[in-house]
Amino acid sequence: MRYFFEISYDGTNYHGWQRQENAIAVQQVVEEALSTIYRREISIVGSGRTDTGVHCEQQFFHVDLEDAAPEKLRTQLNSLLPKDISINAVFEVKKGTHARFDAVQRTYQYRIHTAKNPFLSKFSYYCRKPMDLELMNKASTHLLGRQDFKSFSKVKTEVNNFICDTTLAKWTRVNDLLLFDITANRFLRGMVRAIVGTLLLVGQNKMSVDTFEQVISAKDRKQAGAAAPAHGLFLTLVSYPESIFVQK
């Protein structure tokens, strides 16, 4: 049977989601815990990657297992996993369902705090420079729709194309927090951090809204701004069609 696992993690101590040869990644830690429970080597497939230091409020992975008791398995896994990784739910899904390819949308949120706060420093980027949210939101409208995001992708990446379909790109202010939410069908490596870094230039009047639009059209990473720090970024939502889940 195929199961989906909903997972959250603090990415501070990990080199992203995907298993690597010379660094500890979240995928490896979870696979080792599952392998301990089932006493055999188990591999999992995630809904996507996160970069080193990026956090996750909601991600999914799938794995084929013998008939399992989801709640018991969730409890067993959480007892083995470190405190910075949590399994929130386990669902049975229909045969052939894929955590990555069946996801229809993903949402990231970037968090910035504008007043010094030691309780936010691990999960939010501290930037005390004044920023014009109206300009940043005006520039963000140019991110909407189906278009080429090569200007915001890491140069060395193995993808067939740089086309993403973005349905939300918006800044909001909550007291001393600036929050940027962006939703798309897919994301490129480093895409959100590069977008945020470039929008910060707009907010600080170092780049015009028109120039931001030209950066997108250029399809050249060198034209965009530096990537915002990883610790302010969260993967917050991965959406699937209801039809993939087995109804009990």
C-alpha atoms as a PDB file:
ATOM      1  CA  MET A   1       0.000   0.000   0.000  1.00  0.00           C
ATOM      2  CA  ARG A   2       1.119   3.550  -0.643  1.00  0.00           C
ATOM      3  CA  TYR A   3       1.121   6.100   2.160  1.00  0.00           C
ATOM      4  CA  PHE A   4       1.570   9.859   2.249  1.00  0.00           C
ATOM      5  CA  PHE A   5       3.329  11.355   5.280  1.00  0.00           C
ATOM      6  CA  GLU A   6       2.876  15.002   6.214  1.00  0.00           C
ATOM      7  CA  ILE A   7       6.106  16.356   7.695  1.00  0.00           C
ATOM      8  CA  SER A   8       7.374  19.596   9.279  1.00  0.00           C
ATOM      9  CA  TYR A   9      10.948  20.494  10.120  1.00  0.00           C
ATOM     10  CA  ASP A  10      13.300  23.189  11.309  1.00  0.00           C
ATOM     11  CA  GLY A  11      15.884  23.250   8.538  1.00  0.00           C
ATOM     12  CA  THR A  12      18.656  24.904  10.555  1.00  0.00           C
ATOM     13  CA  ASN A  13      20.721  21.753  11.058  1.00  0.00           C
ATOM     14  CA  TYR A  14      20.128  20.174   7.646  1.00  0.00           C
ATOM     15  CA  HIS A  15      21.481  20.534   4.150  1.00  0.00           C
ATOM     16  CA  GLY A  16      17.998  20.698   2.704  1.00  0.00           C
ATOM     17  CA  TRP A  17      15.521  17.913   2.073  1.00  0.00           C
ATOM     18  CA  GLN A  18      17.275  15.701  -0.459  1.00  0.00           C
ATOM     19  CA  ARG A  19      19.660  12.956   0.661  1.00  0.00           C
ATOM     20  CA  GLN A  20      23.329  13.800   0.019  1.00  0.00           C
ATOM     21  CA  GLU A  21      26.564  11.854   0.197  1.00  0.00           C
ATOM     22  CA  ASN A  22      28.579  14.162   2.442  1.00  0.00           C
ATOM     23  CA  ALA A  23      25.967  16.042   4.465  1.00  0.00           C
ATOM     24  CA  ILE A  24      22.948  15.328   6.635  1.00  0.00           C
ATOM     25  CA  ALA A  25      19.587  15.984   4.945  1.00  0.00           C
ATOM     26  CA  VAL A  26      16.047  15.560   6.247  1.00  0.00           C
ATOM     27  CA  GLN A  27      15.287  12.729   3.813  1.00  0.00           C
ATOM     28  CA  GLN A  28      18.162  10.648   5.159  1.00  0.00           C
ATOM     29  CA  VAL A  29      17.088  11.071   8.782  1.00  0.00           C
ATOM     30  CA  VAL A  30      13.511  10.017   8.005  1.00  0.00           C
ATOM     31  CA  GLU A  31      14.605   7.043   5.886  1.00  0.00           C
ATOM     32  CA  GLU A  32      16.840   5.812   8.680  1.00  0.00           C
ATOM     33  CA  ALA A  33      13.971   6.034  11.183  1.00  0.00           C
ATOM     34  CA  LEU A  34      11.598   4.123   8.890  1.00  0.00           C
ATOM     35  CA  SER A  35      14.283   1.526   8.207  1.00  0.00           C
ATOM     36  CA  THR A  36      14.703   1.016  11.949  1.00  0.00           C
ATOM     37  CA  ILE A  37      10.973   0.392  12.382  1.00  0.00           C
ATOM     38  CA  TYR A  38      10.666  -2.002   9.441  1.00  0.00           C
ATOM     39  CA  ARG A  39      14.124  -3.591   9.805  1.00  0.00           C
ATOM     40  CA  ARG A  40      14.907  -3.156   6.128  1.00  0.00           C
ATOM     41  CA  GLU A  41      16.209  -0.376   3.921  1.00  0.00           C
ATOM     42  CA  ILE A  42      13.447   2.056   2.975  1.00  0.00           C
ATOM     43  CA  SER A  43      13.551   4.926   0.472  1.00  0.00           C
ATOM     44  CA  ILE A  44      11.029   7.751   0.361  1.00  0.00           C
ATOM     45  CA  VAL A  45       9.964  10.230  -2.355  1.00  0.00           C
ATOM     46  CA  GLY A  46       9.357  13.847  -1.358  1.00  0.00           C
ATOM     47  CA  SER A  47       6.980  16.387  -2.827  1.00  0.00           C
ATOM     48  CA  GLY A  48       9.971  18.587  -3.622  1.00  0.00           C
ATOM     49  CA  ARG A  49      13.288  19.902  -2.374  1.00  0.00           C
ATOM     50  CA  THR A  50      14.167  22.607   0.092  1.00  0.00           C
ATOM     51  CA  ASP A  51      17.598  24.209   0.181  1.00  0.00           C
ATOM     52  CA  THR A  52      20.068  24.159   3.064  1.00  0.00           C
ATOM     53  CA  GLY A  53      18.672  26.003   6.089  1.00  0.00           C
ATOM     54  CA  VAL A  54      15.143  26.414   4.704  1.00  0.00           C
ATOM     55  CA  HIS A  55      12.279  25.476   7.024  1.00  0.00           C
ATOM     56  CA  CYS A  56       9.098  23.566   6.338  1.00  0.00           C
ATOM     57  CA  GLU A  57       5.655  23.789   7.890  1.00  0.00           C
ATOM     58  CA  GLN A  58       4.120  21.303   5.481  1.00  0.00           C
ATOM     59  CA  GLN A  59       5.694  18.872   3.070  1.00  0.00           C
ATOM     60  CA  PHE A  60       4.738  15.356   1.994  1.00  0.00           C
ATOM     61  CA  PHE A  61       6.565  12.209   1.031  1.00  0.00           C
ATOM     62  CA  HIS A  62       5.304   8.835  -0.125  1.00  0.00           C
ATOM     63  CA  VAL A  63       6.456   5.298   0.511  1.00  0.00           C
ATOM     64  CA  ASP A  64       5.074   1.816  -0.135  1.00  0.00           C
ATOM     65  CA  LEU A  65       4.649  -0.247   3.034  1.00  0.00           C
ATOM     66  CA  GLU A  66       2.929  -3.367   4.209  1.00  0.00           C
ATOM     67  CA  ASP A  67      -0.493  -2.704   5.680  1.00  0.00           C
ATOM     68  CA  ALA A  68       0.266  -0.130   8.374  1.00  0.00           C
ATOM     69  CA  ALA A  69      -1.668   1.454  11.220  1.00  0.00           C
ATOM     70  CA  PRO A  70      -1.156   5.157  10.325  1.00  0.00           C
ATOM     71  CA  GLU A  71      -1.503   6.619  13.821  1.00  0.00           C
ATOM     72  CA  LYS A  72       0.727   3.963  15.395  1.00  0.00           C
ATOM     73  CA  LEU A  73       3.334   4.513  12.670  1.00  0.00           C
ATOM     74  CA  ARG A  74       3.227   8.281  13.186  1.00  0.00           C
ATOM     75  CA  THR A  75       3.845   7.806  16.916  1.00  0.00           C
ATOM     76  CA  GLN A  76       6.704   5.357  16.301  1.00  0.00           C
ATOM     77  CA  LEU A  77       8.390   7.681  13.838  1.00  0.00           C
ATOM     78  CA  ASN A  78       8.114  10.725  16.083  1.00  0.00           C
ATOM     79  CA  SER A  79       9.689   8.775  18.935  1.00  0.00           C
ATOM     80  CA  LEU A  80      12.741   8.087  16.756  1.00  0.00           C
ATOM     81  CA  LEU A  81      13.068  11.397  14.934  1.00  0.00           C
ATOM     82  CA  PRO A  82      14.986  14.347  16.434  1.00  0.00           C
ATOM     83  CA  LYS A  83      13.036  17.220  17.979  1.00  0.00           C
ATOM     84  CA  ASP A  84      13.425  19.397  14.867  1.00  0.00           C
ATOM     85  CA  ILE A  85      11.484  16.976  12.617  1.00  0.00           C
ATOM     86  CA  SER A  86       7.815  16.084  13.111  1.00  0.00           C
ATOM     87  CA  ILE A  87       5.463  13.675  11.335  1.00  0.00           C
ATOM     88  CA  ASN A  88       2.038  15.320  11.572  1.00  0.00           C
ATOM     89  CA  ALA A  89      -0.164  12.794   9.766  1.00  0.00           C
ATOM     90  CA  VAL A  90      -0.088   9.574   7.742  1.00  0.00           C
ATOM     91  CA  PHE A  91      -2.620   8.919   4.950  1.00  0.00           C
ATOM     92  CA  GLU A  92      -3.285   5.970   2.699  1.00  0.00           C
ATOM     93  CA  VAL A  93      -3.439   7.074  -0.950  1.00  0.00           C
ATOM     94  CA  LYS A  94      -4.456   5.391  -4.142  1.00  0.00           C
ATOM     95  CA  LYS A  95      -2.021   3.141  -5.994  1.00  0.00           C
ATOM     96  CA  GLY A  96       0.356   5.073  -8.239  1.00  0.00           C
ATOM     97  CA  THR A  97      -0.115   8.417  -6.470  1.00  0.00           C
ATOM     98  CA  HIS A  98       3.132  10.414  -6.481  1.00  0.00           C
ATOM     99  CA  ALA A  99       4.079  12.969  -3.807  1.00  0.00           C
ATOM    100  CA  ARG A 100       5.900  15.176  -6.296  1.00  0.00           C
ATOM    101  CA  PHE A 101       4.077  14.782  -9.583  1.00  0.00           C
ATOM    102  CA  ASP A 102       0.530  14.818  -8.192  1.00  0.00           C
ATOM    103  CA  ALA A 103       1.008  18.034  -6.218  1.00  0.00           C
ATOM    104  CA  VAL A 104      -0.956  20.824  -7.902  1.00  0.00           C
ATOM    105  CA  GLN A 105       0.322  23.822  -5.958  1.00  0.00           C
ATOM    106  CA  ARG A 106       2.997  24.789  -3.477  1.00  0.00           C
ATOM    107  CA  THR A 107       3.202  27.874  -1.275  1.00  0.00           C
ATOM    108  CA  TYR A 108       6.262  29.448   0.305  1.00  0.00           C
ATOM    109  CA  GLN A 109       6.409  32.265   2.819  1.00  0.00           C
ATOM    110  CA  TYR A 110       9.412  34.508   3.420  1.00  0.00           C
ATOM    111  CA  ARG A 111       9.574  36.241   6.811  1.00  0.00           C
ATOM    112  CA  ILE A 112      11.386  39.472   7.651  1.00  0.00           C
ATOM    113  CA  HIS A 113      11.396  41.256  11.006  1.00  0.00           C
ATOM    114  CA  THR A 114      12.158  44.971  11.056  1.00  0.00           C
ATOM    115  CA  ALA A 115      12.769  45.389  14.806  1.00  0.00           C
ATOM    116  CA  LYS A 116      15.488  43.428  16.569  1.00  0.00           C
ATOM    117  CA  ASN A 117      13.986  40.358  18.225  1.00  0.00           C
ATOM    118  CA  PRO A 118      16.074  37.453  19.554  1.00  0.00           C
ATOM    119  CA  PHE A 119      13.054  35.144  19.425  1.00  0.00           C
ATOM    120  CA  LEU A 120      12.661  35.633  15.673  1.00  0.00           C
ATOM    121  CA  SER A 121      16.297  35.618  14.593  1.00  0.00           C
ATOM    122  CA  LYS A 122      16.395  31.880  13.848  1.00  0.00           C
ATOM    123  CA  PHE A 123      13.276  31.856  11.668  1.00  0.00           C
ATOM    124  CA  SER A 124      13.130  35.335  10.166  1.00  0.00           C
ATOM    125  CA  TYR A 125      15.563  37.664   8.378  1.00  0.00           C
ATOM    126  CA  TYR A 126      16.321  40.838  10.340  1.00  0.00           C
ATOM    127  CA  CYS A 127      16.312  43.865   8.036  1.00  0.00           C
ATOM    128  CA  ARG A 128      16.008  47.261   9.683  1.00  0.00           C
ATOM    129  CA  LYS A 129      16.128  49.286   6.469  1.00  0.00           C
ATOM    130  CA  PRO A 130      12.841  51.065   5.630  1.00  0.00           C
ATOM    131  CA  MET A 131      10.897  49.341   2.863  1.00  0.00           C
ATOM    132  CA  ASP A 132       8.045  50.492   0.652  1.00  0.00           C
ATOM    133  CA  LEU A 133       5.546  47.622   0.692  1.00  0.00           C
ATOM    134  CA  GLU A 134       3.331  49.354  -1.860  1.00  0.00           C
ATOM    135  CA  LEU A 135       6.159  49.338  -4.399  1.00  0.00           C
ATOM    136  CA  MET A 136       7.077  45.755  -3.545  1.00  0.00           C
ATOM    137  CA  ASN A 137       3.496  44.618  -4.074  1.00  0.00           C
ATOM    138  CA  LYS A 138       3.279  46.546  -7.336  1.00  0.00           C
ATOM    139  CA  ALA A 139       6.409  44.761  -8.562  1.00  0.00           C
ATOM    140  CA  SER A 140       5.071  41.416  -7.305  1.00  0.00           C
ATOM    141  CA  THR A 141       2.121  41.586  -9.701  1.00  0.00           C
ATOM    142  CA  HIS A 142       4.589  41.010 -12.538  1.00  0.00           C
ATOM    143  CA  LEU A 143       5.325  37.575 -11.076  1.00  0.00           C
ATOM    144  CA  LEU A 144       1.775  36.347 -11.645  1.00  0.00           C
ATOM    145  CA  GLY A 145       0.818  33.995 -14.456  1.00  0.00           C
ATOM    146  CA  ARG A 146       2.626  31.414 -16.517  1.00  0.00           C
ATOM    147  CA  GLN A 147       6.097  32.642 -17.485  1.00  0.00           C
ATOM    148  CA  ASP A 148       9.824  31.955 -17.561  1.00  0.00           C
ATOM    149  CA  PHE A 149      11.575  32.442 -14.199  1.00  0.00           C
ATOM    150  CA  LYS A 150      15.127  31.727 -15.325  1.00  0.00           C
ATOM    151  CA  SER A 151      16.276  35.063 -13.881  1.00  0.00           C
ATOM    152  CA  PHE A 152      15.497  33.730 -10.408  1.00  0.00           C
ATOM    153  CA  SER A 153      16.859  30.206 -10.749  1.00  0.00           C
ATOM    154  CA  LYS A 154      20.207  28.875  -9.628  1.00  0.00           C
ATOM    155  CA  VAL A 155      22.437  28.581 -12.691  1.00  0.00           C
ATOM    156  CA  LYS A 156      23.445  24.946 -12.203  1.00  0.00           C
ATOM    157  CA  THR A 157      20.156  23.091 -12.097  1.00  0.00           C
ATOM    158  CA  GLU A 158      18.792  20.124 -14.000  1.00  0.00           C
ATOM    159  CA  VAL A 159      15.379  21.141 -15.330  1.00  0.00           C
ATOM    160  CA  ASN A 160      13.739  20.847 -18.731  1.00  0.00           C
ATOM    161  CA  ASN A 161      12.412  24.406 -18.575  1.00  0.00           C
ATOM    162  CA  PHE A 162      12.035  27.408 -16.284  1.00  0.00           C
ATOM    163  CA  ILE A 163       8.280  27.895 -16.745  1.00  0.00           C
ATOM    164  CA  CYS A 164       6.185  28.285 -13.588  1.00  0.00           C
ATOM    165  CA  ASP A 165       2.540  29.254 -13.175  1.00  0.00           C
ATOM    166  CA  THR A 166       2.218  31.657 -10.246  1.00  0.00           C
ATOM    167  CA  THR A 167      -1.190  32.412  -8.739  1.00  0.00           C
ATOM    168  CA  LEU A 168      -0.207  34.422  -5.645  1.00  0.00           C
ATOM    169  CA  ALA A 169       2.654  36.831  -4.902  1.00  0.00           C
ATOM    170  CA  LYS A 170       1.920  39.280  -2.106  1.00  0.00           C
ATOM    171  CA  TRP A 171       3.529  41.137   0.787  1.00  0.00           C
ATOM    172  CA  THR A 172       1.706  41.839   4.048  1.00  0.00           C
ATOM    173  CA  ARG A 173       2.771  43.587   7.244  1.00  0.00           C
ATOM    174  CA  VAL A 174       1.920  42.179  10.674  1.00  0.00           C
ATOM    175  CA  ASN A 175       3.335  44.538  13.311  1.00  0.00           C
ATOM    176  CA  ASP A 176       7.133  44.292  12.878  1.00  0.00           C
ATOM    177  CA  LEU A 177       6.907  41.334  10.487  1.00  0.00           C
ATOM    178  CA  LEU A 178       6.919  41.559   6.700  1.00  0.00           C
ATOM    179  CA  LEU A 179       5.548  38.395   5.085  1.00  0.00           C
ATOM    180  CA  PHE A 180       5.846  37.441   1.428  1.00  0.00           C
ATOM    181  CA  ASP A 181       3.582  34.619   0.244  1.00  0.00           C
ATOM    182  CA  ILE A 182       3.997  33.058  -3.166  1.00  0.00           C
ATOM    183  CA  THR A 183       2.054  30.150  -4.689  1.00  0.00           C
ATOM    184  CA  ALA A 184       2.865  28.313  -7.910  1.00  0.00           C
ATOM    185  CA  ASN A 185       2.534  24.915  -9.531  1.00  0.00           C
ATOM    186  CA  ARG A 186       6.307  24.434  -9.204  1.00  0.00           C
ATOM    187  CA  PHE A 187       9.416  26.269  -8.030  1.00  0.00           C
ATOM    188  CA  LEU A 188      12.981  26.346  -9.325  1.00  0.00           C
ATOM    189  CA  ARG A 189      16.062  25.944  -7.141  1.00  0.00           C
ATOM    190  CA  GLY A 190      16.673  29.149  -5.197  1.00  0.00           C
ATOM    191  CA  MET A 191      13.714  30.844  -6.900  1.00  0.00           C
ATOM    192  CA  VAL A 192      11.893  32.320  -3.898  1.00  0.00           C
ATOM    193  CA  ARG A 193      15.012  33.622  -2.188  1.00  0.00           C
ATOM    194  CA  ALA A 194      16.169  35.271  -5.430  1.00  0.00           C
ATOM    195  CA  ILE A 195      12.757  36.876  -5.927  1.00  0.00           C
ATOM    196  CA  VAL A 196      12.713  38.177  -2.351  1.00  0.00           C
ATOM    197  CA  GLY A 197      16.262  39.536  -2.625  1.00  0.00           C
ATOM    198  CA  THR A 198      15.301  41.409  -5.790  1.00  0.00           C
ATOM    199  CA  LEU A 199      12.032  42.723  -4.359  1.00  0.00           C
ATOM    200  CA  LEU A 200      13.959  44.088  -1.373  1.00  0.00           C
ATOM    201  CA  LEU A 201      15.894  46.235  -3.830  1.00  0.00           C
ATOM    202  CA  VAL A 202      12.570  47.595  -5.077  1.00  0.00           C
ATOM    203  CA  GLY A 203      11.376  48.237  -1.534  1.00  0.00           C
ATOM    204  CA  GLN A 204      14.575  50.144  -0.726  1.00  0.00           C
ATOM    205  CA  ASN A 205      14.265  52.241  -3.922  1.00  0.00           C
ATOM    206  CA  LYS A 206      17.393  50.675  -5.395  1.00  0.00           C
ATOM    207  CA  MET A 207      15.433  49.183  -8.315  1.00  0.00           C
ATOM    208  CA  SER A 208      12.322  50.501 -10.046  1.00  0.00           C
ATOM    209  CA  VAL A 209       9.196  48.455 -10.666  1.00  0.00           C
ATOM    210  CA  ASP A 210       9.824  48.752 -14.410  1.00  0.00           C
ATOM    211  CA  THR A 211      13.363  47.442 -13.976  1.00  0.00           C
ATOM    212  CA  PHE A 212      12.024  44.525 -11.944  1.00  0.00           C
ATOM    213  CA  GLU A 213       9.748  43.631 -14.846  1.00  0.00           C
ATOM    214  CA  GLN A 214      12.746  43.827 -17.181  1.00  0.00           C
ATOM    215  CA  VAL A 215      14.709  41.482 -14.891  1.00  0.00           C
ATOM    216  CA  ILE A 216      12.030  38.821 -15.386  1.00  0.00           C
ATOM    217  CA  SER A 217      12.100  39.274 -19.159  1.00  0.00           C
ATOM    218  CA  ALA A 218      15.914  39.115 -19.266  1.00  0.00           C
ATOM    219  CA  LYS A 219      15.976  35.414 -18.261  1.00  0.00           C
ATOM    220  CA  ASP A 220      19.412  36.087 -16.775  1.00  0.00           C
ATOM    221  CA  ARG A 221      20.213  35.379 -13.107  1.00  0.00           C
ATOM    222  CA  LYS A 222      22.891  38.087 -13.144  1.00  0.00           C
ATOM    223  CA  GLN A 223      20.213  40.744 -13.621  1.00  0.00           C
ATOM    224  CA  ALA A 224      18.392  39.836 -10.387  1.00  0.00           C
ATOM    225  CA  GLY A 225      19.417  40.665  -6.843  1.00  0.00           C
ATOM    226  CA  ALA A 226      21.297  38.515  -4.344  1.00  0.00           C
ATOM    227  CA  ALA A 227      19.343  35.695  -2.729  1.00  0.00           C
ATOM    228  CA  ALA A 228      17.741  36.489   0.622  1.00  0.00           C
ATOM    229  CA  PRO A 229      19.089  34.380   3.531  1.00  0.00           C
ATOM    230  CA  ALA A 230      17.733  30.838   3.795  1.00  0.00           C
ATOM    231  CA  HIS A 231      16.575  30.992   7.414  1.00  0.00           C
ATOM    232  CA  GLY A 232      13.683  33.349   6.587  1.00  0.00           C
ATOM    233  CA  LEU A 233      12.067  30.940   4.118  1.00  0.00           C
ATOM    234  CA  PHE A 234       9.328  28.411   4.881  1.00  0.00           C
ATOM    235  CA  LEU A 235       7.550  25.905   2.688  1.00  0.00           C
ATOM    236  CA  THR A 236       4.053  26.343   4.121  1.00  0.00           C
ATOM    237  CA  LEU A 237       1.613  24.395   1.961  1.00  0.00           C
ATOM    238  CA  VAL A 238       1.523  21.595  -0.623  1.00  0.00           C
ATOM    239  CA  SER A 239      -1.864  20.933  -2.236  1.00  0.00           C
ATOM    240  CA  TYR A 240      -3.245  17.757  -3.814  1.00  0.00           C
ATOM    241  CA  PRO A 241      -6.566  16.797  -5.385  1.00  0.00           C
ATOM    242  CA  GLU A 242      -8.903  15.125  -2.890  1.00  0.00           C
ATOM    243  CA  SER A 243      -9.319  12.197  -5.283  1.00  0.00           C
ATOM    244  CA  ILE A 244      -5.882  10.743  -4.474  1.00  0.00           C
ATOM    245  CA  PHE A 245      -6.751   9.870  -0.864  1.00  0.00           C
ATOM    246  CA  VAL A 246      -8.304   6.561   0.151  1.00  0.00           C
ATOM    247  CA  GLN A 247     -11.530   7.274   2.026  1.00  0.00           C
ATOM    248  CA  LYS A 248     -11.947   5.140   5.141  1.00  0.00           C
END
